[in-house]
Amino acid sequence: MSIGKFCNRNVVCAKRETSVVDAALLMRRHHIGDVVVVDETSEGRRPVGIVTDRDLVVEVLSAGLDPGAVKVGDLLIRPLVTIEEGTGYMEAVRLMASRGVRRIPVVSPGGLLVGIVSFDDLLHQLAVPLAELSELAIREWRQEAQARQ
C-alpha cells in the first residue's frame, strides 16, 4: 500500500516567519504535536521543515528565549526528510528508522506537500496485520480441536 493512500492530508502548516507562540497555538487548536513549515509557491505548498512541540520546549523554552521573538524558520536546523506519495509503507518504515524521524511530510513527485505520515500512522498499519497473524495459532488449534471431536 502506498503512503499516499493513508497519510493525513489535513496538514497544519506555518510559514517560516510564523512565531513560535503562533505555532504553539496552532498545535493546541488542532491537538497535534507538530506543524509543517512551508514555502508558499504558485504551484502549492513546498515543505521546508517540521517544528514539533518538543522543539518548542528544548530549543526555545528551556533555552530561556522569548517565544514571541523566535520564528519557526529559526528552528529548522535539520535537513527535512520527505517521502513521495507513491512510496510503499514498508519503505516509509525503513526511512523513518534509518533517519531517526517520527514524522515525514508526503510530497508529490514535484515536491509539493500532499500530506504527512507519522510513526503512529505506520504503527497502526503494521499492528493490524500482526494482530491478525497472532490469532493464527489460536484459530488453528480451535479448528483442529473441533475436527477431532
C-alpha atoms as a PDB file:
ATOM      1  CA  MET A   1       0.000   0.000   0.000  1.00  0.00           C
ATOM      2  CA  SER A   2       1.328   3.423  -0.863  1.00  0.00           C
ATOM      3  CA  ILE A   3       1.824   6.165   1.694  1.00  0.00           C
ATOM      4  CA  GLY A   4      -0.463   8.464  -0.270  1.00  0.00           C
ATOM      5  CA  LYS A   5      -3.426   6.184   0.444  1.00  0.00           C
ATOM      6  CA  PHE A   6      -3.331   6.534   4.205  1.00  0.00           C
ATOM      7  CA  CYS A   7      -1.342   9.658   5.003  1.00  0.00           C
ATOM      8  CA  ASN A   8      -3.103  12.519   6.754  1.00  0.00           C
ATOM      9  CA  ARG A   9      -3.925  15.079   4.082  1.00  0.00           C
ATOM     10  CA  ASN A  10      -5.123  17.719   6.543  1.00  0.00           C
ATOM     11  CA  VAL A  11      -1.687  19.072   7.349  1.00  0.00           C
ATOM     12  CA  VAL A  12      -1.357  22.049   9.666  1.00  0.00           C
ATOM     13  CA  CYS A  13       1.259  24.343   8.177  1.00  0.00           C
ATOM     14  CA  ALA A  14       3.114  27.506   9.085  1.00  0.00           C
ATOM     15  CA  LYS A  15       5.372  29.813   7.137  1.00  0.00           C
ATOM     16  CA  ARG A  16       8.985  30.394   8.184  1.00  0.00           C
ATOM     17  CA  GLU A  17       8.102  33.793   9.667  1.00  0.00           C
ATOM     18  CA  THR A  18       5.393  32.362  11.965  1.00  0.00           C
ATOM     19  CA  SER A  19       6.235  32.986  15.619  1.00  0.00           C
ATOM     20  CA  VAL A  20       6.794  30.078  17.962  1.00  0.00           C
ATOM     21  CA  VAL A  21       3.815  31.287  20.006  1.00  0.00           C
ATOM     22  CA  ASP A  22       1.553  31.126  16.962  1.00  0.00           C
ATOM     23  CA  ALA A  23       2.883  27.675  16.094  1.00  0.00           C
ATOM     24  CA  ALA A  24       2.132  26.505  19.634  1.00  0.00           C
ATOM     25  CA  LEU A  25      -1.384  27.906  19.350  1.00  0.00           C
ATOM     26  CA  LEU A  26      -1.882  26.015  16.079  1.00  0.00           C
ATOM     27  CA  MET A  27      -0.732  22.803  17.742  1.00  0.00           C
ATOM     28  CA  ARG A  28      -3.097  23.347  20.646  1.00  0.00           C
ATOM     29  CA  ARG A  29      -6.070  24.275  18.442  1.00  0.00           C
ATOM     30  CA  HIS A  30      -5.628  21.204  16.235  1.00  0.00           C
ATOM     31  CA  HIS A  31      -4.494  18.801  19.015  1.00  0.00           C
ATOM     32  CA  ILE A  32      -1.278  17.923  17.211  1.00  0.00           C
ATOM     33  CA  GLY A  33       2.398  17.788  18.087  1.00  0.00           C
ATOM     34  CA  ASP A  34       3.908  19.425  15.019  1.00  0.00           C
ATOM     35  CA  VAL A  35       3.469  21.923  12.220  1.00  0.00           C
ATOM     36  CA  VAL A  36       4.980  21.551   8.784  1.00  0.00           C
ATOM     37  CA  VAL A  37       6.897  24.654   7.777  1.00  0.00           C
ATOM     38  CA  VAL A  38       6.234  25.517   4.150  1.00  0.00           C
ATOM     39  CA  ASP A  39       7.163  27.985   1.478  1.00  0.00           C
ATOM     40  CA  GLU A  40       4.076  29.052  -0.456  1.00  0.00           C
ATOM     41  CA  THR A  41       4.677  28.951  -4.217  1.00  0.00           C
ATOM     42  CA  SER A  42       2.416  29.489  -7.203  1.00  0.00           C
ATOM     43  CA  GLU A  43       2.300  25.679  -7.601  1.00  0.00           C
ATOM     44  CA  GLY A  44       1.407  24.995  -3.964  1.00  0.00           C
ATOM     45  CA  ARG A  45       2.998  24.446  -0.580  1.00  0.00           C
ATOM     46  CA  ARG A  46       6.595  23.185  -0.572  1.00  0.00           C
ATOM     47  CA  PRO A  47       7.671  21.697   2.790  1.00  0.00           C
ATOM     48  CA  VAL A  48      10.954  23.017   4.159  1.00  0.00           C
ATOM     49  CA  GLY A  49      10.864  21.681   7.717  1.00  0.00           C
ATOM     50  CA  ILE A  50       8.903  20.413  10.681  1.00  0.00           C
ATOM     51  CA  VAL A  51       8.666  22.042  14.094  1.00  0.00           C
ATOM     52  CA  THR A  52       7.461  19.832  16.937  1.00  0.00           C
ATOM     53  CA  ASP A  53       6.214  20.549  20.422  1.00  0.00           C
ATOM     54  CA  ARG A  54       9.500  19.063  21.639  1.00  0.00           C
ATOM     55  CA  ASP A  55      11.422  21.599  19.526  1.00  0.00           C
ATOM     56  CA  LEU A  56       9.494  24.391  21.235  1.00  0.00           C
ATOM     57  CA  VAL A  57      10.384  23.092  24.683  1.00  0.00           C
ATOM     58  CA  VAL A  58      14.005  22.097  24.055  1.00  0.00           C
ATOM     59  CA  GLU A  59      15.098  24.847  21.682  1.00  0.00           C
ATOM     60  CA  VAL A  60      13.076  27.806  22.944  1.00  0.00           C
ATOM     61  CA  LEU A  61      11.570  27.470  26.417  1.00  0.00           C
ATOM     62  CA  SER A  62      14.399  25.612  28.142  1.00  0.00           C
ATOM     63  CA  ALA A  63      16.915  27.949  26.494  1.00  0.00           C
ATOM     64  CA  GLY A  64      15.127  30.923  28.036  1.00  0.00           C
ATOM     65  CA  LEU A  65      14.348  32.512  24.660  1.00  0.00           C
ATOM     66  CA  ASP A  66      11.369  34.796  24.098  1.00  0.00           C
ATOM     67  CA  PRO A  67       8.831  32.614  22.217  1.00  0.00           C
ATOM     68  CA  GLY A  68       7.265  35.714  20.705  1.00  0.00           C
ATOM     69  CA  ALA A  69      10.562  36.738  19.136  1.00  0.00           C
ATOM     70  CA  VAL A  70      11.584  33.332  17.745  1.00  0.00           C
ATOM     71  CA  LYS A  71      10.250  32.299  14.339  1.00  0.00           C
ATOM     72  CA  VAL A  72       9.663  28.698  13.325  1.00  0.00           C
ATOM     73  CA  GLY A  73      12.127  29.218  10.495  1.00  0.00           C
ATOM     74  CA  ASP A  74      14.806  29.795  13.150  1.00  0.00           C
ATOM     75  CA  LEU A  75      14.266  26.231  14.404  1.00  0.00           C
ATOM     76  CA  LEU A  76      14.906  24.475  11.090  1.00  0.00           C
ATOM     77  CA  ILE A  77      18.272  23.004  11.961  1.00  0.00           C
ATOM     78  CA  ARG A  78      17.986  19.528  10.398  1.00  0.00           C
ATOM     79  CA  PRO A  79      17.558  18.606   6.753  1.00  0.00           C
ATOM     80  CA  LEU A  80      13.926  17.725   6.069  1.00  0.00           C
ATOM     81  CA  VAL A  81      13.131  14.109   5.258  1.00  0.00           C
ATOM     82  CA  THR A  82      10.217  13.728   2.816  1.00  0.00           C
ATOM     83  CA  ILE A  83       8.665  10.779   1.046  1.00  0.00           C
ATOM     84  CA  GLU A  84       6.806  10.627  -2.263  1.00  0.00           C
ATOM     85  CA  GLU A  85       3.153   9.672  -2.075  1.00  0.00           C
ATOM     86  CA  GLY A  86       3.612   6.584  -4.286  1.00  0.00           C
ATOM     87  CA  THR A  87       6.160   5.012  -1.930  1.00  0.00           C
ATOM     88  CA  GLY A  88       5.135   1.849  -0.079  1.00  0.00           C
ATOM     89  CA  TYR A  89       4.643   1.941   3.667  1.00  0.00           C
ATOM     90  CA  MET A  90       7.442  -0.550   4.351  1.00  0.00           C
ATOM     91  CA  GLU A  91       9.867   1.829   2.654  1.00  0.00           C
ATOM     92  CA  ALA A  92       8.488   4.584   4.888  1.00  0.00           C
ATOM     93  CA  VAL A  93       9.200   2.406   7.933  1.00  0.00           C
ATOM     94  CA  ARG A  94      12.775   1.857   6.755  1.00  0.00           C
ATOM     95  CA  LEU A  95      13.223   5.564   6.037  1.00  0.00           C
ATOM     96  CA  MET A  96      11.926   6.632   9.451  1.00  0.00           C
ATOM     97  CA  ALA A  97      14.123   4.096  11.205  1.00  0.00           C
ATOM     98  CA  SER A  98      17.267   4.943   9.267  1.00  0.00           C
ATOM     99  CA  ARG A  99      16.825   8.725   9.557  1.00  0.00           C
ATOM    100  CA  GLY A 100      15.534   8.713  13.148  1.00  0.00           C
ATOM    101  CA  VAL A 101      12.355  10.697  12.463  1.00  0.00           C
ATOM    102  CA  ARG A 102       8.814  10.189  13.733  1.00  0.00           C
ATOM    103  CA  ARG A 103       7.030  12.295  11.091  1.00  0.00           C
ATOM    104  CA  ILE A 104       7.574  12.654   7.361  1.00  0.00           C
ATOM    105  CA  PRO A 105       5.843  15.062   5.006  1.00  0.00           C
ATOM    106  CA  VAL A 106       4.395  13.261   1.998  1.00  0.00           C
ATOM    107  CA  VAL A 107       5.061  15.039  -1.271  1.00  0.00           C
ATOM    108  CA  SER A 108       4.026  14.842  -4.905  1.00  0.00           C
ATOM    109  CA  PRO A 109       6.659  13.890  -7.484  1.00  0.00           C
ATOM    110  CA  GLY A 110       7.214  17.643  -7.896  1.00  0.00           C
ATOM    111  CA  GLY A 111       7.942  18.081  -4.181  1.00  0.00           C
ATOM    112  CA  LEU A 112       4.667  19.755  -3.174  1.00  0.00           C
ATOM    113  CA  LEU A 113       3.032  18.863   0.135  1.00  0.00           C
ATOM    114  CA  VAL A 114       0.166  16.380  -0.095  1.00  0.00           C
ATOM    115  CA  GLY A 115       0.114  15.008   3.451  1.00  0.00           C
ATOM    116  CA  ILE A 116       2.059  13.783   6.428  1.00  0.00           C
ATOM    117  CA  VAL A 117       2.691  10.342   7.847  1.00  0.00           C
ATOM    118  CA  SER A 118       3.707   9.696  11.426  1.00  0.00           C
ATOM    119  CA  PHE A 119       5.176   6.863  13.431  1.00  0.00           C
ATOM    120  CA  ASP A 120       1.700   6.320  14.918  1.00  0.00           C
ATOM    121  CA  ASP A 121       0.146   6.016  11.444  1.00  0.00           C
ATOM    122  CA  LEU A 122       2.690   3.402  10.398  1.00  0.00           C
ATOM    123  CA  LEU A 123       2.399   1.542  13.678  1.00  0.00           C
ATOM    124  CA  HIS A 124      -1.347   1.230  13.157  1.00  0.00           C
ATOM    125  CA  GLN A 125      -0.834  -0.045   9.594  1.00  0.00           C
ATOM    126  CA  LEU A 126       1.615  -2.664  10.867  1.00  0.00           C
ATOM    127  CA  ALA A 127      -0.215  -3.604  14.067  1.00  0.00           C
ATOM    128  CA  VAL A 128      -3.485  -4.665  12.447  1.00  0.00           C
ATOM    129  CA  PRO A 129      -1.952  -7.399  10.234  1.00  0.00           C
ATOM    130  CA  LEU A 130       0.312  -8.507  13.079  1.00  0.00           C
ATOM    131  CA  ALA A 131      -2.675  -8.826  15.423  1.00  0.00           C
ATOM    132  CA  GLU A 132      -4.439 -10.957  12.819  1.00  0.00           C
ATOM    133  CA  LEU A 133      -1.355 -13.169  12.489  1.00  0.00           C
ATOM    134  CA  SER A 134      -1.120 -13.515  16.265  1.00  0.00           C
ATOM    135  CA  GLU A 135      -4.576 -15.123  16.210  1.00  0.00           C
ATOM    136  CA  LEU A 136      -3.457 -17.722  13.670  1.00  0.00           C
ATOM    137  CA  ALA A 137      -2.197 -20.271  16.202  1.00  0.00           C
ATOM    138  CA  ILE A 138      -5.375 -19.984  18.265  1.00  0.00           C
ATOM    139  CA  ARG A 139      -7.604 -20.407  15.198  1.00  0.00           C
ATOM    140  CA  GLU A 140      -5.586 -23.386  14.051  1.00  0.00           C
ATOM    141  CA  TRP A 141      -5.839 -25.019  17.471  1.00  0.00           C
ATOM    142  CA  ARG A 142      -9.630 -24.436  17.599  1.00  0.00           C
ATOM    143  CA  GLN A 143     -10.140 -25.859  14.117  1.00  0.00           C
ATOM    144  CA  GLU A 144      -8.038 -28.893  14.973  1.00  0.00           C
ATOM    145  CA  ALA A 145      -9.883 -29.454  18.243  1.00  0.00           C
ATOM    146  CA  GLN A 146     -13.247 -29.109  16.503  1.00  0.00           C
ATOM    147  CA  ALA A 147     -12.278 -31.537  13.753  1.00  0.00           C
ATOM    148  CA  ARG A 148     -11.214 -34.193  16.272  1.00  0.00           C
ATOM    149  CA  GLN A 149     -14.356 -34.151  18.432  1.00  0.00           C
END
